[in-house]
N, C-alpha and C. Protein backbone atom coordinates (compact mmCIF):
# COMPACT_ATOMS: atom_id res chain seq x y z
N UNK A 1 0.84 -1.18 0.00
CA UNK A 1 0.00 0.00 0.00
C UNK A 1 0.88 1.25 0.00
N UNK A 2 0.50 2.23 -0.78
CA UNK A 2 1.27 3.47 -0.86
C UNK A 2 1.19 4.23 0.47
N UNK A 3 2.33 4.67 0.94
CA UNK A 3 2.39 5.44 2.17
C UNK A 3 1.87 6.85 1.92
N UNK A 4 0.99 7.31 2.78
CA UNK A 4 0.50 8.69 2.69
C UNK A 4 1.48 9.60 3.40
N UNK A 5 1.72 10.75 2.82
CA UNK A 5 2.60 11.72 3.46
C UNK A 5 2.09 13.12 3.18
N UNK A 6 2.79 14.10 3.68
CA UNK A 6 2.33 15.48 3.54
C UNK A 6 2.24 15.93 2.09
N UNK A 7 3.01 15.32 1.19
CA UNK A 7 2.94 15.70 -0.23
C UNK A 7 1.59 15.36 -0.83
N UNK A 8 0.91 14.34 -0.29
CA UNK A 8 -0.41 13.96 -0.78
C UNK A 8 -1.47 15.01 -0.43
N UNK A 9 -1.17 15.89 0.50
CA UNK A 9 -2.17 16.83 1.01
C UNK A 9 -1.75 18.29 0.87
N UNK A 10 -0.94 18.59 -0.12
CA UNK A 10 -0.43 19.96 -0.25
C UNK A 10 -1.51 20.98 -0.59
N UNK A 11 -2.69 20.50 -1.05
CA UNK A 11 -3.75 21.42 -1.46
C UNK A 11 -4.72 21.78 -0.35
N UNK A 12 -4.59 21.20 0.83
CA UNK A 12 -5.53 21.43 1.92
C UNK A 12 -4.80 21.99 3.13
N UNK A 13 -5.21 23.20 3.55
CA UNK A 13 -4.55 23.83 4.70
C UNK A 13 -5.50 24.12 5.86
N UNK A 14 -6.80 24.25 5.55
CA UNK A 14 -7.76 24.65 6.58
C UNK A 14 -8.94 23.69 6.61
N UNK A 15 -9.52 23.52 7.78
CA UNK A 15 -10.64 22.62 8.00
C UNK A 15 -11.85 23.07 7.19
N UNK A 16 -12.45 22.13 6.49
CA UNK A 16 -13.63 22.44 5.69
C UNK A 16 -14.89 22.56 6.54
N UNK A 17 -14.80 22.17 7.81
CA UNK A 17 -15.95 22.29 8.72
C UNK A 17 -15.91 23.57 9.54
N UNK A 18 -14.75 23.87 10.14
CA UNK A 18 -14.71 25.01 11.06
C UNK A 18 -13.72 26.10 10.65
N UNK A 19 -12.87 25.83 9.67
CA UNK A 19 -11.93 26.84 9.18
C UNK A 19 -10.60 26.89 9.92
N UNK A 20 -10.42 26.10 10.94
CA UNK A 20 -9.18 26.08 11.72
C UNK A 20 -8.04 25.52 10.87
N UNK A 21 -6.81 25.94 11.15
CA UNK A 21 -5.65 25.43 10.42
C UNK A 21 -5.46 23.94 10.72
N UNK A 22 -5.28 23.16 9.65
CA UNK A 22 -5.08 21.72 9.80
C UNK A 22 -3.65 21.39 10.18
N UNK A 23 -3.50 20.28 10.88
CA UNK A 23 -2.19 19.76 11.25
C UNK A 23 -2.11 18.32 10.77
N UNK A 24 -0.92 17.89 10.36
CA UNK A 24 -0.74 16.49 10.00
C UNK A 24 -0.65 15.65 11.26
N UNK A 25 -1.42 14.57 11.28
CA UNK A 25 -1.46 13.71 12.47
C UNK A 25 -1.67 12.27 12.00
N UNK A 26 -1.05 11.34 12.69
CA UNK A 26 -1.25 9.93 12.39
C UNK A 26 -2.63 9.52 12.90
N UNK A 27 -3.42 8.90 12.00
CA UNK A 27 -4.78 8.52 12.37
C UNK A 27 -4.85 7.10 12.91
N UNK A 28 -6.05 6.59 13.12
CA UNK A 28 -6.27 5.25 13.69
C UNK A 28 -5.78 4.13 12.76
N UNK A 29 -5.54 4.43 11.48
CA UNK A 29 -5.00 3.45 10.53
C UNK A 29 -3.49 3.58 10.40
N UNK A 30 -2.89 4.42 11.25
CA UNK A 30 -1.46 4.68 11.24
C UNK A 30 -1.01 5.37 9.94
N UNK A 31 -1.90 6.23 9.41
CA UNK A 31 -1.59 7.01 8.21
C UNK A 31 -1.59 8.48 8.57
N UNK A 32 -0.63 9.20 8.00
CA UNK A 32 -0.51 10.62 8.25
C UNK A 32 -1.52 11.37 7.39
N UNK A 33 -2.45 12.09 8.04
CA UNK A 33 -3.50 12.82 7.33
C UNK A 33 -3.71 14.19 7.98
N UNK A 34 -4.21 15.16 7.20
CA UNK A 34 -4.58 16.44 7.81
C UNK A 34 -5.72 16.24 8.82
N UNK A 35 -5.54 16.85 9.96
CA UNK A 35 -6.47 16.69 11.08
C UNK A 35 -6.74 18.07 11.66
N UNK A 36 -7.97 18.32 12.06
CA UNK A 36 -8.31 19.59 12.69
C UNK A 36 -8.26 19.44 14.21
N UNK A 37 -7.36 20.17 14.87
CA UNK A 37 -7.28 20.07 16.33
C UNK A 37 -8.48 20.72 17.03
N UNK A 38 -9.23 21.57 16.31
CA UNK A 38 -10.37 22.25 16.93
C UNK A 38 -11.63 21.38 16.95
N UNK A 39 -11.92 20.67 15.85
CA UNK A 39 -13.17 19.89 15.80
C UNK A 39 -12.94 18.40 15.54
N UNK A 40 -11.68 17.99 15.44
CA UNK A 40 -11.29 16.59 15.23
C UNK A 40 -11.68 16.02 13.86
N UNK A 41 -11.98 16.87 12.91
CA UNK A 41 -12.30 16.41 11.56
C UNK A 41 -11.02 15.93 10.88
N UNK A 42 -11.11 14.85 10.12
CA UNK A 42 -9.97 14.30 9.38
C UNK A 42 -10.27 14.43 7.89
N UNK A 43 -9.28 14.93 7.14
CA UNK A 43 -9.44 15.06 5.69
C UNK A 43 -8.93 13.79 5.02
N UNK A 44 -9.82 13.12 4.29
CA UNK A 44 -9.47 11.95 3.51
C UNK A 44 -9.48 12.35 2.04
N UNK A 45 -8.34 12.26 1.40
CA UNK A 45 -8.27 12.61 -0.02
C UNK A 45 -8.65 11.38 -0.83
N UNK A 46 -9.72 11.50 -1.59
CA UNK A 46 -10.24 10.39 -2.36
C UNK A 46 -10.08 10.64 -3.85
N UNK A 47 -10.10 9.58 -4.66
CA UNK A 47 -10.05 9.78 -6.11
C UNK A 47 -11.32 10.49 -6.59
N UNK A 48 -11.19 11.19 -7.69
CA UNK A 48 -12.31 11.90 -8.30
C UNK A 48 -13.02 10.94 -9.25
N UNK A 49 -14.35 10.80 -9.14
CA UNK A 49 -15.07 9.92 -10.07
C UNK A 49 -15.37 10.62 -11.39
N UNK A 50 -15.28 9.85 -12.46
CA UNK A 50 -15.56 10.37 -13.81
C UNK A 50 -16.31 9.29 -14.59
N UNK A 51 -16.95 9.72 -15.67
CA UNK A 51 -17.65 8.79 -16.56
C UNK A 51 -17.15 8.99 -17.98
N UNK A 52 -17.24 7.93 -18.78
CA UNK A 52 -16.89 7.99 -20.20
C UNK A 52 -17.88 7.13 -20.97
N UNK A 53 -18.13 7.52 -22.22
CA UNK A 53 -19.15 6.87 -23.03
C UNK A 53 -18.53 6.26 -24.28
N UNK A 54 -18.83 4.98 -24.50
CA UNK A 54 -18.44 4.28 -25.73
C UNK A 54 -19.71 4.15 -26.56
N UNK A 55 -19.71 4.77 -27.74
CA UNK A 55 -20.90 4.77 -28.60
C UNK A 55 -20.47 4.57 -30.05
N UNK A 56 -21.12 3.65 -30.73
CA UNK A 56 -20.85 3.37 -32.14
C UNK A 56 -22.05 3.76 -32.98
N UNK A 57 -21.80 4.15 -34.23
CA UNK A 57 -22.90 4.38 -35.16
C UNK A 57 -23.25 3.07 -35.86
N UNK A 58 -24.17 3.14 -36.83
CA UNK A 58 -24.61 1.93 -37.53
C UNK A 58 -23.51 1.28 -38.36
N UNK A 59 -22.43 2.02 -38.66
CA UNK A 59 -21.28 1.48 -39.40
C UNK A 59 -20.18 0.98 -38.46
N UNK A 60 -20.48 0.91 -37.19
CA UNK A 60 -19.54 0.52 -36.13
C UNK A 60 -18.32 1.45 -36.06
N UNK A 61 -18.57 2.72 -36.34
CA UNK A 61 -17.55 3.75 -36.14
C UNK A 61 -17.72 4.30 -34.72
N UNK A 62 -16.61 4.65 -34.11
CA UNK A 62 -16.58 5.09 -32.72
C UNK A 62 -16.72 6.60 -32.61
N UNK A 63 -17.59 7.05 -31.71
CA UNK A 63 -17.79 8.47 -31.46
C UNK A 63 -16.68 9.01 -30.56
N UNK A 64 -16.02 10.07 -31.02
CA UNK A 64 -14.97 10.73 -30.24
C UNK A 64 -15.19 12.24 -30.26
N UNK A 65 -14.70 12.90 -29.22
CA UNK A 65 -14.73 14.36 -29.16
C UNK A 65 -13.30 14.88 -29.10
N UNK A 66 -13.08 16.03 -29.71
CA UNK A 66 -11.78 16.70 -29.63
C UNK A 66 -11.85 17.66 -28.45
N UNK A 67 -10.95 17.47 -27.50
CA UNK A 67 -10.97 18.24 -26.26
C UNK A 67 -10.57 19.69 -26.49
N UNK A 68 -11.33 20.58 -25.86
CA UNK A 68 -11.03 22.00 -25.94
C UNK A 68 -10.32 22.52 -24.71
N UNK A 69 -10.31 21.74 -23.65
CA UNK A 69 -9.72 22.17 -22.39
C UNK A 69 -8.66 21.18 -21.92
N UNK A 70 -7.77 21.67 -21.05
CA UNK A 70 -6.78 20.80 -20.42
C UNK A 70 -7.48 19.95 -19.36
N UNK A 71 -7.00 18.78 -19.09
CA UNK A 71 -5.80 18.19 -19.68
C UNK A 71 -6.07 17.63 -21.08
N UNK A 72 -5.00 17.56 -21.84
CA UNK A 72 -5.02 16.96 -23.18
C UNK A 72 -5.88 17.73 -24.18
N UNK A 73 -5.89 19.06 -24.09
CA UNK A 73 -6.60 19.87 -25.08
C UNK A 73 -6.04 19.56 -26.47
N UNK A 74 -6.94 19.44 -27.45
CA UNK A 74 -6.55 19.15 -28.82
C UNK A 74 -6.48 17.67 -29.14
N UNK A 75 -6.56 16.82 -28.12
CA UNK A 75 -6.56 15.37 -28.34
C UNK A 75 -7.99 14.86 -28.43
N UNK A 76 -8.14 13.71 -29.05
CA UNK A 76 -9.44 13.05 -29.16
C UNK A 76 -9.66 12.14 -27.96
N UNK A 77 -10.92 12.07 -27.52
CA UNK A 77 -11.28 11.28 -26.35
C UNK A 77 -12.72 10.80 -26.49
N UNK A 78 -13.07 9.86 -25.66
CA UNK A 78 -14.48 9.50 -25.56
C UNK A 78 -15.22 10.67 -24.93
N UNK A 79 -16.51 10.85 -25.23
CA UNK A 79 -17.28 11.83 -24.47
C UNK A 79 -17.18 11.44 -22.99
N UNK A 80 -16.90 12.42 -22.15
CA UNK A 80 -16.61 12.08 -20.75
C UNK A 80 -16.65 13.32 -19.88
N UNK A 81 -16.59 13.09 -18.57
CA UNK A 81 -16.53 14.21 -17.65
C UNK A 81 -16.51 13.75 -16.21
N UNK A 82 -16.17 14.69 -15.34
CA UNK A 82 -16.19 14.41 -13.91
C UNK A 82 -17.63 14.38 -13.43
N UNK A 83 -17.88 13.55 -12.44
CA UNK A 83 -19.24 13.38 -11.95
C UNK A 83 -19.69 14.57 -11.11
N UNK A 84 -20.97 14.89 -11.24
CA UNK A 84 -21.62 15.89 -10.40
C UNK A 84 -22.16 15.18 -9.17
N UNK A 85 -22.10 15.83 -8.03
CA UNK A 85 -22.48 15.22 -6.75
C UNK A 85 -23.94 14.81 -6.70
N UNK A 86 -24.81 15.51 -7.42
CA UNK A 86 -26.25 15.26 -7.33
C UNK A 86 -26.77 14.28 -8.40
N UNK A 87 -25.88 13.69 -9.19
CA UNK A 87 -26.30 12.77 -10.25
C UNK A 87 -25.67 11.39 -10.05
N UNK A 88 -26.39 10.36 -10.47
CA UNK A 88 -25.83 9.01 -10.45
C UNK A 88 -24.81 8.89 -11.58
N UNK A 89 -23.97 7.86 -11.56
CA UNK A 89 -23.05 7.67 -12.68
C UNK A 89 -23.77 7.60 -14.03
N UNK A 90 -24.90 6.91 -14.07
CA UNK A 90 -25.66 6.79 -15.31
C UNK A 90 -26.20 8.14 -15.77
N UNK A 91 -26.75 8.92 -14.84
CA UNK A 91 -27.25 10.25 -15.19
C UNK A 91 -26.12 11.15 -15.67
N UNK A 92 -24.97 11.06 -15.02
CA UNK A 92 -23.80 11.84 -15.45
C UNK A 92 -23.39 11.48 -16.86
N UNK A 93 -23.35 10.18 -17.17
CA UNK A 93 -22.94 9.74 -18.50
C UNK A 93 -23.91 10.25 -19.56
N UNK A 94 -25.21 10.15 -19.31
CA UNK A 94 -26.20 10.65 -20.27
C UNK A 94 -26.06 12.15 -20.47
N UNK A 95 -25.82 12.88 -19.37
CA UNK A 95 -25.64 14.33 -19.45
C UNK A 95 -24.39 14.70 -20.24
N UNK A 96 -23.28 14.03 -19.96
CA UNK A 96 -22.03 14.33 -20.69
C UNK A 96 -22.18 14.06 -22.18
N UNK A 97 -22.83 12.95 -22.53
CA UNK A 97 -23.04 12.65 -23.95
C UNK A 97 -23.78 13.78 -24.63
N UNK A 98 -24.87 14.23 -24.03
CA UNK A 98 -25.67 15.29 -24.65
C UNK A 98 -24.92 16.62 -24.68
N UNK A 99 -24.25 16.97 -23.59
CA UNK A 99 -23.52 18.25 -23.53
C UNK A 99 -22.40 18.32 -24.56
N UNK A 100 -21.65 17.23 -24.71
CA UNK A 100 -20.46 17.27 -25.57
C UNK A 100 -20.73 16.93 -27.02
N UNK A 101 -21.83 16.19 -27.30
CA UNK A 101 -22.05 15.71 -28.67
C UNK A 101 -23.39 16.11 -29.26
N UNK A 102 -24.31 16.59 -28.45
CA UNK A 102 -25.65 16.90 -28.93
C UNK A 102 -26.56 15.69 -29.05
N UNK A 103 -26.04 14.50 -28.77
CA UNK A 103 -26.82 13.27 -28.91
C UNK A 103 -27.47 12.87 -27.59
N UNK A 104 -28.66 12.31 -27.71
CA UNK A 104 -29.31 11.68 -26.57
C UNK A 104 -28.99 10.20 -26.64
N UNK A 105 -28.77 9.59 -25.50
CA UNK A 105 -28.36 8.20 -25.50
C UNK A 105 -29.18 7.32 -24.59
N UNK A 106 -28.99 6.04 -24.79
CA UNK A 106 -29.56 5.01 -23.91
C UNK A 106 -28.41 4.12 -23.49
N UNK A 107 -28.31 3.87 -22.19
CA UNK A 107 -27.23 3.03 -21.67
C UNK A 107 -27.54 1.57 -21.97
N UNK A 108 -26.57 0.91 -22.56
CA UNK A 108 -26.68 -0.52 -22.87
C UNK A 108 -26.12 -1.36 -21.71
N UNK A 109 -24.92 -1.00 -21.26
CA UNK A 109 -24.30 -1.69 -20.13
C UNK A 109 -23.09 -0.89 -19.64
N UNK A 110 -22.62 -1.29 -18.48
CA UNK A 110 -21.39 -0.71 -17.92
C UNK A 110 -20.22 -1.49 -18.51
N UNK A 111 -19.29 -0.76 -19.12
CA UNK A 111 -18.10 -1.38 -19.71
C UNK A 111 -17.16 -1.85 -18.62
N UNK A 112 -17.04 -1.05 -17.57
CA UNK A 112 -16.13 -1.37 -16.48
C UNK A 112 -15.63 -0.09 -15.82
N UNK A 113 -14.59 -0.24 -15.04
CA UNK A 113 -13.99 0.90 -14.36
C UNK A 113 -12.49 0.89 -14.59
N UNK A 114 -11.89 2.07 -14.38
CA UNK A 114 -10.45 2.22 -14.57
C UNK A 114 -9.95 3.19 -13.52
N UNK A 115 -8.93 2.79 -12.78
CA UNK A 115 -8.32 3.64 -11.77
C UNK A 115 -7.01 4.16 -12.33
N UNK A 116 -6.92 5.48 -12.56
CA UNK A 116 -5.73 6.02 -13.19
C UNK A 116 -5.25 7.32 -12.58
N UNK A 117 -4.13 7.78 -13.09
CA UNK A 117 -3.51 9.03 -12.64
C UNK A 117 -4.13 10.21 -13.37
N UNK A 118 -4.09 11.36 -12.70
CA UNK A 118 -4.60 12.60 -13.27
C UNK A 118 -3.61 13.72 -13.00
N UNK A 119 -3.28 14.52 -14.03
CA UNK A 119 -2.37 15.65 -13.80
C UNK A 119 -3.01 16.75 -12.95
N UNK A 120 -4.32 16.72 -12.81
CA UNK A 120 -5.01 17.75 -12.04
C UNK A 120 -5.41 17.25 -10.66
N UNK A 121 -6.03 16.07 -10.60
CA UNK A 121 -6.61 15.58 -9.35
C UNK A 121 -5.85 14.42 -8.72
N UNK A 122 -4.70 14.10 -9.22
CA UNK A 122 -3.84 13.03 -8.72
C UNK A 122 -4.36 11.66 -9.14
N UNK A 123 -5.58 11.29 -8.73
CA UNK A 123 -6.15 9.99 -9.09
C UNK A 123 -7.61 10.15 -9.51
N UNK A 124 -8.01 9.39 -10.53
CA UNK A 124 -9.39 9.43 -11.04
C UNK A 124 -9.90 7.99 -11.15
N UNK A 125 -11.12 7.78 -10.73
CA UNK A 125 -11.80 6.50 -10.90
C UNK A 125 -12.86 6.70 -11.99
N UNK A 126 -12.59 6.16 -13.17
CA UNK A 126 -13.49 6.33 -14.32
C UNK A 126 -14.39 5.12 -14.49
N UNK A 127 -15.65 5.40 -14.83
CA UNK A 127 -16.63 4.35 -15.12
C UNK A 127 -17.03 4.50 -16.58
N UNK A 128 -16.89 3.43 -17.34
CA UNK A 128 -17.25 3.46 -18.75
C UNK A 128 -18.62 2.88 -18.99
N UNK A 129 -19.39 3.52 -19.87
CA UNK A 129 -20.72 3.05 -20.24
C UNK A 129 -20.81 2.87 -21.75
N UNK A 130 -21.37 1.76 -22.18
CA UNK A 130 -21.69 1.55 -23.60
C UNK A 130 -23.09 2.11 -23.80
N UNK A 131 -23.24 2.95 -24.83
CA UNK A 131 -24.53 3.56 -25.12
C UNK A 131 -24.86 3.42 -26.59
N UNK A 132 -26.14 3.64 -26.89
CA UNK A 132 -26.56 3.80 -28.27
C UNK A 132 -27.28 5.14 -28.36
N UNK A 133 -27.17 5.78 -29.51
CA UNK A 133 -27.82 7.07 -29.72
C UNK A 133 -29.31 6.82 -29.98
N UNK A 134 -30.16 7.65 -29.36
CA UNK A 134 -31.60 7.54 -29.58
C UNK A 134 -32.21 8.86 -30.03
N UNK A 135 -31.38 9.82 -30.37
CA UNK A 135 -31.88 11.10 -30.84
C UNK A 135 -30.83 12.18 -30.74
N UNK A 136 -31.25 13.40 -31.03
CA UNK A 136 -30.35 14.54 -30.99
C UNK A 136 -29.68 14.78 -32.32
N UNK A 137 -28.89 15.83 -32.36
CA UNK A 137 -28.16 16.21 -33.57
C UNK A 137 -26.68 16.30 -33.22
N UNK A 138 -25.84 15.59 -33.98
CA UNK A 138 -24.41 15.56 -33.70
C UNK A 138 -23.80 16.95 -33.88
N UNK A 139 -23.31 17.52 -32.77
CA UNK A 139 -22.62 18.80 -32.80
C UNK A 139 -21.79 18.95 -31.53
N UNK A 140 -20.60 19.48 -31.69
CA UNK A 140 -19.70 19.67 -30.55
C UNK A 140 -20.28 20.72 -29.61
N UNK A 141 -20.16 20.46 -28.33
CA UNK A 141 -20.64 21.41 -27.34
C UNK A 141 -19.84 21.31 -26.06
N UNK A 142 -20.17 22.16 -25.10
CA UNK A 142 -19.50 22.20 -23.81
C UNK A 142 -18.00 22.39 -24.01
N UNK A 143 -17.16 21.48 -23.54
CA UNK A 143 -15.71 21.64 -23.68
C UNK A 143 -15.15 20.88 -24.87
N UNK A 144 -16.01 20.36 -25.75
CA UNK A 144 -15.55 19.69 -26.98
C UNK A 144 -15.53 20.70 -28.13
N UNK A 145 -14.44 20.73 -28.89
CA UNK A 145 -14.35 21.65 -30.03
C UNK A 145 -14.69 20.96 -31.34
N UNK A 146 -14.77 19.64 -31.33
CA UNK A 146 -15.17 18.88 -32.51
C UNK A 146 -15.70 17.53 -32.05
N UNK A 147 -16.53 16.93 -32.86
CA UNK A 147 -17.08 15.61 -32.56
C UNK A 147 -17.29 14.88 -33.87
N UNK A 148 -16.87 13.62 -33.91
CA UNK A 148 -17.14 12.83 -35.11
C UNK A 148 -16.92 11.35 -34.84
N UNK A 149 -17.42 10.56 -35.80
CA UNK A 149 -17.26 9.11 -35.74
C UNK A 149 -16.02 8.71 -36.52
N UNK A 150 -15.27 7.77 -35.95
CA UNK A 150 -14.04 7.27 -36.58
C UNK A 150 -14.16 5.77 -36.82
N UNK A 151 -13.66 5.31 -38.00
CA UNK A 151 -13.58 3.86 -38.20
C UNK A 151 -12.56 3.28 -37.22
N UNK A 152 -12.82 2.08 -36.75
CA UNK A 152 -11.94 1.47 -35.75
C UNK A 152 -10.53 1.25 -36.27
N UNK A 153 -10.37 1.11 -37.59
CA UNK A 153 -9.03 0.91 -38.14
C UNK A 153 -8.31 2.23 -38.43
N UNK A 154 -8.90 3.35 -38.03
CA UNK A 154 -8.29 4.66 -38.27
C UNK A 154 -8.56 5.61 -37.10
N UNK A 155 -8.35 5.12 -35.89
CA UNK A 155 -8.57 5.96 -34.71
C UNK A 155 -7.39 6.90 -34.51
N UNK A 156 -7.66 8.14 -34.08
CA UNK A 156 -6.56 9.05 -33.72
C UNK A 156 -5.97 8.63 -32.38
N UNK A 157 -4.93 9.32 -31.95
CA UNK A 157 -4.36 9.09 -30.62
C UNK A 157 -5.44 9.45 -29.60
N UNK A 158 -5.70 8.54 -28.68
CA UNK A 158 -6.73 8.74 -27.66
C UNK A 158 -6.08 9.34 -26.41
N UNK A 159 -6.70 10.38 -25.86
CA UNK A 159 -6.11 11.19 -24.80
C UNK A 159 -5.80 10.44 -23.50
N UNK A 160 -6.67 9.53 -23.08
CA UNK A 160 -6.56 8.99 -21.72
C UNK A 160 -6.47 7.47 -21.69
N UNK A 161 -5.70 6.96 -20.74
CA UNK A 161 -5.57 5.51 -20.55
C UNK A 161 -6.92 4.85 -20.32
N UNK A 162 -7.76 5.46 -19.50
CA UNK A 162 -9.07 4.89 -19.20
C UNK A 162 -9.89 4.72 -20.48
N UNK A 163 -9.84 5.71 -21.35
CA UNK A 163 -10.60 5.65 -22.60
C UNK A 163 -10.07 4.56 -23.51
N UNK A 164 -8.75 4.43 -23.58
CA UNK A 164 -8.16 3.35 -24.39
C UNK A 164 -8.59 1.99 -23.84
N UNK A 165 -8.66 1.88 -22.53
CA UNK A 165 -9.08 0.63 -21.90
C UNK A 165 -10.53 0.32 -22.24
N UNK A 166 -11.42 1.29 -22.13
CA UNK A 166 -12.83 1.07 -22.43
C UNK A 166 -13.04 0.72 -23.91
N UNK A 167 -12.31 1.39 -24.79
CA UNK A 167 -12.40 1.09 -26.22
C UNK A 167 -11.95 -0.35 -26.48
N UNK A 168 -10.84 -0.73 -25.86
CA UNK A 168 -10.32 -2.09 -26.04
C UNK A 168 -11.32 -3.13 -25.55
N UNK A 169 -11.95 -2.87 -24.42
CA UNK A 169 -12.92 -3.82 -23.88
C UNK A 169 -14.13 -4.00 -24.80
N UNK A 170 -14.51 -2.93 -25.50
CA UNK A 170 -15.70 -3.00 -26.35
C UNK A 170 -15.40 -3.38 -27.79
N UNK A 171 -14.14 -3.36 -28.18
CA UNK A 171 -13.79 -3.65 -29.58
C UNK A 171 -12.84 -4.82 -29.73
N UNK A 172 -12.23 -5.23 -28.63
CA UNK A 172 -11.20 -6.27 -28.65
C UNK A 172 -9.96 -5.83 -29.42
N UNK A 173 -9.76 -4.50 -29.56
CA UNK A 173 -8.56 -3.97 -30.23
C UNK A 173 -7.40 -3.91 -29.26
């Protein structure tokens, strides 16, 4: 198991409950974590959840979006995004598909999950969903600057390890 240390918590200095300055303290699991001496709150840094969508057209071409924002701006990726706290993973996936591609979708099944590194959030837990389009008009939106279907034998470089994993699981490539 990876040892937790102060470098894991460089982004948190004050208690999210009472505002008091946090101190590093060994917890009941013998791990060093930010702790509030005023209210005894412990900060647990968790991975950020995200969703990604694998969708094919009738020609079995894969839907990809060209990213407009970092990380990996300018690279192609599956429609995807970080989860909103008030939505289920399925609701998040349907929302991301519509926001980034203009398409409405129906979830077919969960492709799986992928635990990976993030240049922004340190660690991300991605959930992949296989969908089919049930309406809408294909157009780039939200943080996507382009959207199109690619033949499986001519895919561009895919931005994220999780997306490559989900594509491989659904295509056997």
